[in-house]
Amino acid sequence: MTGRLPSLNALRAFESASRHLSFTRAASELNVTQGAISHHVKALEADFGFPLFVREHQTLRLTAAGAAYVPVVREAFDRLSLGTADFLRQERAGKLTVSMSPNFASKWMIHRLGRFAERHPDLDLRISPTVHRVDFLREDVDMAIRHGDGRWPDLHVARLCVEEFFPVCSPRLLESGIRMARPSDLGHATLLHDAGWRNWPEWLAAAGAPEIDASRGPSFDYLSNAIDAAVQGQGVALARTALAAADLLQGRLVRLFDVRLPTPFAYFIVCPKAVAAKPKIATFREWLLAEAAEDAEGLARLAGHGGSERAE
């Protein structure tokens, strides 16, 4: 054998058998058959041209050559194991830059950062709120949260959550005596808008109240601002699921009426396909999906108990 390394499986079989001096116990340790261990060792011996074990009377012992080779193999496995562990620590740790919209950063991400830091203290998360679509080839960004239809064939894409539009307001607004028994009562409420979306007319039509003037009321640059104004009791905002989830679950908002308008877009976790399986990227993606699933369960419980809707 010249210039060719032995099979890694054969070396593992040899190393395990050398410790146990038993093909049967080595097979059990490596979760393979006894025949597989014997085959690997015989193949290794054939490559070397000399025996590594003496097999006699149902016992197994190392030859002089086998005993000399054992520390070489064990040191190699130890170095490989330590090197792999160090490599994975580096890949799971360090800086991770994530691009997302200011809406998503302020209403979904910011209040969860402490939980993520507790679970993954070695990962230095950098949030980059931006309204432009990140260019992974030219920007120092690892992954992004995008709002869209999910059709980005050049990227690895995972949908974060399903979204709907629905009106929300502060419980304090209802406690002040304002009537909100049916959608037509919104004609007496202050409607809160975000400048980028014009969905109030569509929702009001779906709710059977198209006569309400949906153009009145203050408008904000971001939907997150409109939702925050609703939390403060300034009026009724037409919120999206992801952005309103935390305020609904914490009781700062209630959902009005059982009329929900499906949105054409949703939030997606995206990154270049070449790095999708990178440990720190996979770790953050899994955490995001777990957080979104927890939100969905909490909102379903609220809806089931009538705790997030006010209507006749």
Protein backbone atom coordinates (compact mmCIF):
# COMPACT_ATOMS: atom_id res chain seq x y z
CA MET A 1 0.00 0.00 0.00
CA THR A 2 1.71 3.23 -1.17
CA GLY A 3 0.35 6.75 -0.79
CA ARG A 4 -3.13 5.56 0.15
CA LEU A 5 -4.71 5.92 3.58
CA PRO A 6 -6.61 2.99 5.07
CA SER A 7 -10.39 3.05 5.18
CA LEU A 8 -11.68 5.10 8.11
CA ASN A 9 -14.24 2.37 8.89
CA ALA A 10 -11.46 -0.22 8.92
CA LEU A 11 -9.40 1.90 11.30
CA ARG A 12 -12.39 2.38 13.61
CA ALA A 13 -12.99 -1.38 13.63
CA PHE A 14 -9.32 -2.07 14.37
CA GLU A 15 -9.13 0.51 17.17
CA SER A 16 -12.28 -0.73 18.87
CA ALA A 17 -11.25 -4.39 18.56
CA SER A 18 -7.80 -3.54 19.97
CA ARG A 19 -9.40 -2.08 23.12
CA HIS A 20 -11.89 -4.87 23.66
CA LEU A 21 -9.78 -7.71 22.22
CA SER A 22 -13.09 -8.93 20.88
CA PHE A 23 -14.72 -8.52 17.50
CA THR A 24 -18.12 -9.11 19.12
CA ARG A 25 -17.77 -6.29 21.67
CA ALA A 26 -16.32 -3.98 19.01
CA ALA A 27 -19.34 -4.71 16.83
CA SER A 28 -21.67 -3.83 19.70
CA GLU A 29 -19.82 -0.56 20.36
CA LEU A 30 -19.91 0.51 16.72
CA ASN A 31 -23.44 -0.79 16.14
CA VAL A 32 -22.44 -3.11 13.29
CA THR A 33 -22.25 -6.89 12.92
CA GLN A 34 -19.35 -9.03 14.16
CA GLY A 35 -18.83 -10.06 10.56
CA ALA A 36 -18.40 -6.42 9.52
CA ILE A 37 -15.66 -5.90 12.12
CA SER A 38 -13.89 -9.06 10.99
CA HIS A 39 -14.16 -8.01 7.35
CA HIS A 40 -12.72 -4.53 8.04
CA VAL A 41 -9.79 -5.91 10.03
CA LYS A 42 -9.01 -8.55 7.39
CA ALA A 43 -9.11 -5.85 4.69
CA LEU A 44 -6.71 -3.73 6.72
CA GLU A 45 -4.36 -6.67 7.21
CA ALA A 46 -4.53 -7.45 3.49
CA ASP A 47 -3.59 -3.87 2.65
CA PHE A 48 -0.65 -3.94 5.07
CA GLY A 49 0.48 -7.43 4.10
CA PHE A 50 0.82 -8.69 7.68
CA PRO A 51 -1.54 -9.63 10.55
CA LEU A 52 -2.60 -7.23 13.30
CA PHE A 53 -4.28 -9.83 15.52
CA VAL A 54 -3.58 -13.40 16.52
CA ARG A 55 -6.81 -15.40 16.49
CA GLU A 56 -6.64 -18.64 18.49
CA HIS A 57 -8.95 -20.70 20.73
CA GLN A 58 -11.73 -18.08 20.53
CA THR A 59 -9.38 -15.44 21.90
CA LEU A 60 -7.91 -12.37 20.27
CA ARG A 61 -4.60 -10.67 20.93
CA LEU A 62 -2.56 -8.07 19.14
CA THR A 63 0.54 -8.97 17.19
CA ALA A 64 3.66 -6.90 17.77
CA ALA A 65 2.82 -4.91 14.63
CA GLY A 66 -0.76 -4.43 15.79
CA ALA A 67 0.38 -3.26 19.23
CA ALA A 68 2.75 -0.76 17.59
CA TYR A 69 0.00 0.58 15.32
CA VAL A 70 -2.67 1.06 18.02
CA PRO A 71 -1.24 4.31 19.52
CA VAL A 72 -0.87 5.77 16.02
CA VAL A 73 -4.53 5.14 15.23
CA ARG A 74 -5.77 6.30 18.64
CA GLU A 75 -3.78 9.53 18.47
CA ALA A 76 -5.19 10.19 15.00
CA PHE A 77 -8.76 9.64 16.19
CA ASP A 78 -8.18 11.79 19.28
CA ARG A 79 -6.79 14.62 17.13
CA LEU A 80 -9.67 14.26 14.68
CA SER A 81 -12.21 14.30 17.50
CA LEU A 82 -10.69 17.36 19.18
CA GLY A 83 -10.26 19.15 15.86
CA THR A 84 -13.85 18.45 14.86
CA ALA A 85 -15.16 19.66 18.23
CA ASP A 86 -13.10 22.85 17.92
CA PHE A 87 -14.27 23.38 14.35
CA LEU A 88 -17.93 22.97 15.33
CA ARG A 89 -17.53 25.34 18.28
CA GLN A 90 -16.20 27.98 15.91
CA GLU A 91 -18.96 27.35 13.39
CA ARG A 92 -21.68 27.46 16.06
CA ALA A 93 -20.20 30.52 17.72
CA GLY A 94 -18.97 33.90 16.62
CA LYS A 95 -20.78 36.64 14.75
CA LEU A 96 -24.06 36.02 12.93
CA THR A 97 -25.46 38.99 11.00
CA VAL A 98 -29.16 38.85 10.16
CA SER A 99 -30.96 41.35 7.94
CA MET A 100 -34.65 42.11 8.55
CA SER A 101 -37.14 44.91 8.18
CA PRO A 102 -37.49 47.54 10.92
CA ASN A 103 -41.07 46.29 11.39
CA PHE A 104 -39.94 42.76 12.12
CA ALA A 105 -36.98 43.83 14.22
CA SER A 106 -39.01 46.05 16.54
CA LYS A 107 -42.19 43.97 16.92
CA TRP A 108 -40.96 40.39 16.68
CA MET A 109 -37.23 40.10 17.24
CA ILE A 110 -36.08 42.61 19.84
CA HIS A 111 -37.96 41.27 22.86
CA ARG A 112 -36.75 37.70 22.14
CA LEU A 113 -33.02 38.44 22.02
CA GLY A 114 -32.50 37.70 25.71
CA ARG A 115 -33.98 34.22 25.34
CA PHE A 116 -31.73 33.47 22.39
CA ALA A 117 -28.63 34.76 24.20
CA GLU A 118 -29.38 32.53 27.21
CA ARG A 119 -29.59 29.43 25.02
CA HIS A 120 -26.69 30.30 22.72
CA PRO A 121 -24.21 32.49 24.64
CA ASP A 122 -21.38 31.79 22.20
CA LEU A 123 -23.27 33.22 19.23
CA ASP A 124 -22.90 36.96 18.75
CA LEU A 125 -26.11 37.99 16.99
CA ARG A 126 -26.02 41.18 14.91
CA ILE A 127 -29.41 42.54 13.80
CA SER A 128 -29.39 44.71 10.68
CA PRO A 129 -32.77 46.47 10.26
CA THR A 130 -33.12 47.64 6.68
CA VAL A 131 -35.87 48.24 4.16
CA HIS A 132 -33.80 47.09 1.18
CA ARG A 133 -33.40 43.49 0.07
CA VAL A 134 -29.99 42.26 1.12
CA ASP A 135 -27.48 41.21 -1.53
CA PHE A 136 -25.65 38.23 -0.04
CA LEU A 137 -22.88 38.46 -2.63
CA ARG A 138 -21.96 42.05 -1.80
CA GLU A 139 -22.99 42.53 1.83
CA ASP A 140 -21.57 41.06 5.02
CA VAL A 141 -24.84 39.37 5.96
CA ASP A 142 -25.30 35.68 6.81
CA MET A 143 -29.06 35.35 6.54
CA ALA A 144 -32.23 37.41 6.33
CA ILE A 145 -35.89 37.53 7.27
CA ARG A 146 -37.81 38.55 4.16
CA HIS A 147 -41.45 39.46 3.70
CA GLY A 148 -42.70 38.21 0.36
CA ASP A 149 -44.10 35.27 -1.58
CA GLY A 150 -41.15 32.94 -0.86
CA ARG A 151 -40.16 32.55 -4.50
CA TRP A 152 -36.41 33.06 -4.40
CA PRO A 153 -35.06 30.03 -6.29
CA ASP A 154 -31.44 31.02 -5.77
CA LEU A 155 -31.78 30.90 -1.97
CA HIS A 156 -32.58 28.39 0.77
CA VAL A 157 -36.07 29.39 1.95
CA ALA A 158 -38.05 28.40 5.06
CA ARG A 159 -41.44 29.94 5.84
CA LEU A 160 -41.53 31.38 9.33
CA CYS A 161 -45.27 31.76 9.84
CA VAL A 162 -48.67 32.10 8.19
CA GLU A 163 -50.04 35.65 8.26
CA GLU A 164 -53.45 37.32 8.24
CA PHE A 165 -54.72 40.89 8.60
CA PHE A 166 -57.13 41.71 11.44
CA PRO A 167 -58.02 44.81 13.49
CA VAL A 168 -56.56 45.22 16.98
CA CYS A 169 -56.84 47.74 19.77
CA SER A 170 -55.86 48.19 23.38
CA PRO A 171 -58.13 46.69 26.06
CA ARG A 172 -58.09 50.16 27.64
CA LEU A 173 -59.82 51.57 24.56
CA LEU A 174 -62.67 49.12 25.04
CA GLU A 175 -62.78 49.80 28.76
CA SER A 176 -63.17 53.52 28.02
CA GLY A 177 -66.66 52.80 26.74
CA ILE A 178 -66.15 52.81 22.99
CA ARG A 179 -68.57 50.40 21.32
CA MET A 180 -66.97 47.60 19.28
CA ALA A 181 -69.75 45.05 18.90
CA ARG A 182 -69.70 44.78 15.10
CA PRO A 183 -67.42 45.90 12.26
CA SER A 184 -69.69 48.87 11.43
CA ASP A 185 -68.75 50.34 14.83
CA LEU A 186 -65.31 51.09 13.39
CA GLY A 187 -66.98 54.09 11.76
CA HIS A 188 -66.72 55.79 15.16
CA ALA A 189 -63.13 54.74 15.84
CA THR A 190 -59.79 56.22 14.85
CA LEU A 191 -58.25 54.02 12.20
CA LEU A 192 -54.46 53.70 12.29
CA HIS A 193 -52.58 53.15 9.03
CA ASP A 194 -49.10 52.38 7.79
CA ALA A 195 -47.97 54.22 4.70
CA GLY A 196 -46.85 51.13 2.79
CA TRP A 197 -50.14 49.18 2.90
CA ARG A 198 -53.72 50.08 2.00
CA ASN A 199 -55.64 47.09 3.35
CA TRP A 200 -58.36 48.76 5.42
CA PRO A 201 -60.83 49.04 2.48
CA GLU A 202 -60.35 45.37 1.60
CA TRP A 203 -60.84 44.24 5.21
CA LEU A 204 -63.90 46.46 5.70
CA ALA A 205 -65.47 45.06 2.53
CA ALA A 206 -64.82 41.49 3.72
CA ALA A 207 -66.34 42.38 7.11
CA GLY A 208 -69.51 43.80 5.54
CA ALA A 209 -68.78 47.44 6.33
CA PRO A 210 -67.60 48.93 3.03
CA GLU A 211 -69.35 52.23 3.73
CA ILE A 212 -66.76 53.24 6.35
CA ASP A 213 -64.29 55.87 5.18
CA ALA A 214 -61.02 53.97 5.40
CA SER A 215 -58.86 56.94 4.45
CA ARG A 216 -59.26 58.83 7.72
CA GLY A 217 -56.92 58.52 10.67
CA PRO A 218 -53.18 58.97 11.18
CA SER A 219 -50.65 57.19 8.99
CA PHE A 220 -47.21 55.95 10.00
CA ASP A 221 -44.13 55.03 8.00
CA TYR A 222 -44.09 51.51 9.47
CA LEU A 223 -46.84 49.14 10.53
CA SER A 224 -44.95 48.60 13.80
CA ASN A 225 -45.61 52.27 14.64
CA ALA A 226 -49.32 51.88 13.95
CA ILE A 227 -49.44 48.80 16.20
CA ASP A 228 -47.58 50.65 18.96
CA ALA A 229 -50.10 53.49 18.67
CA ALA A 230 -52.89 50.94 19.09
CA VAL A 231 -51.17 49.58 22.21
CA GLN A 232 -51.21 53.13 23.58
CA GLY A 233 -54.97 53.34 23.03
CA GLN A 234 -54.75 55.79 20.12
CA GLY A 235 -57.10 53.85 17.86
CA VAL A 236 -57.55 50.61 15.90
CA ALA A 237 -54.77 49.22 13.72
CA LEU A 238 -55.06 46.62 10.99
CA ALA A 239 -52.27 44.33 12.15
CA ARG A 240 -50.45 41.36 10.69
CA THR A 241 -50.11 38.15 12.69
CA ALA A 242 -46.34 38.12 13.25
CA LEU A 243 -46.08 41.78 14.18
CA ALA A 244 -49.01 41.72 16.62
CA ALA A 245 -48.37 38.30 18.19
CA ALA A 246 -46.34 39.45 21.20
CA ASP A 247 -48.77 42.25 22.11
CA LEU A 248 -51.75 39.90 21.77
CA LEU A 249 -50.13 37.18 23.88
CA GLN A 250 -49.12 39.69 26.56
CA GLY A 251 -52.60 41.22 26.68
CA ARG A 252 -51.54 44.64 25.41
CA LEU A 253 -53.83 44.20 22.40
CA VAL A 254 -57.05 42.37 21.68
CA ARG A 255 -58.24 41.22 18.28
CA LEU A 256 -61.57 42.69 17.15
CA PHE A 257 -64.16 40.59 15.32
CA ASP A 258 -63.79 37.16 13.79
CA VAL A 259 -62.91 38.41 10.32
CA ARG A 260 -59.40 37.74 9.04
CA LEU A 261 -57.98 38.72 5.72
CA PRO A 262 -55.31 36.41 4.24
CA THR A 263 -52.18 38.25 3.22
CA PRO A 264 -50.45 37.71 -0.12
CA PHE A 265 -47.08 37.54 1.62
CA ALA A 266 -45.49 35.98 4.68
CA TYR A 267 -42.17 36.09 6.52
CA PHE A 268 -39.44 33.72 5.31
CA ILE A 269 -35.98 32.83 6.60
CA VAL A 270 -33.53 32.96 3.70
CA CYS A 271 -29.82 32.43 3.15
CA PRO A 272 -27.53 31.29 0.33
CA LYS A 273 -27.98 27.58 -0.36
CA ALA A 274 -24.27 26.93 0.08
CA VAL A 275 -24.36 27.91 3.79
CA ALA A 276 -27.85 26.67 4.74
CA ALA A 277 -26.48 23.73 6.74
CA LYS A 278 -23.77 25.76 8.47
CA PRO A 279 -24.21 25.07 12.20
CA LYS A 280 -24.73 28.65 13.42
CA ILE A 281 -27.17 29.39 10.59
CA ALA A 282 -29.10 26.15 11.16
CA THR A 283 -29.16 26.85 14.91
CA PHE A 284 -30.65 30.30 14.46
CA ARG A 285 -33.16 29.08 11.85
CA GLU A 286 -34.36 26.29 14.16
CA TRP A 287 -34.73 28.76 17.02
CA LEU A 288 -36.75 31.16 14.85
CA LEU A 289 -39.08 28.37 13.73
CA ALA A 290 -39.55 27.18 17.33
CA GLU A 291 -40.42 30.72 18.47
CA ALA A 292 -42.93 31.14 15.63
CA ALA A 293 -44.53 27.78 16.42
CA GLU A 294 -44.87 28.80 20.08
CA ASP A 295 -46.57 32.03 19.00
CA ALA A 296 -48.99 30.12 16.77
CA GLU A 297 -49.92 27.78 19.62
CA GLY A 298 -50.46 30.69 21.99
CA LEU A 299 -52.64 32.59 19.53
CA ALA A 300 -54.69 29.45 18.85
CA ARG A 301 -55.29 29.05 22.58
CA LEU A 302 -56.38 32.69 22.84
CA ALA A 303 -58.80 32.29 19.93
CA GLY A 304 -60.15 29.06 21.42
CA HIS A 305 -60.90 30.79 24.72
CA GLY A 306 -62.26 33.93 23.11
CA GLY A 307 -59.46 35.89 24.74
CA SER A 308 -58.30 37.71 21.63
CA GLU A 309 -61.58 38.65 19.98
CA ARG A 310 -64.32 41.08 20.86
CA ALA A 311 -67.54 40.85 18.83
CA GLU A 312 -71.22 40.05 19.09
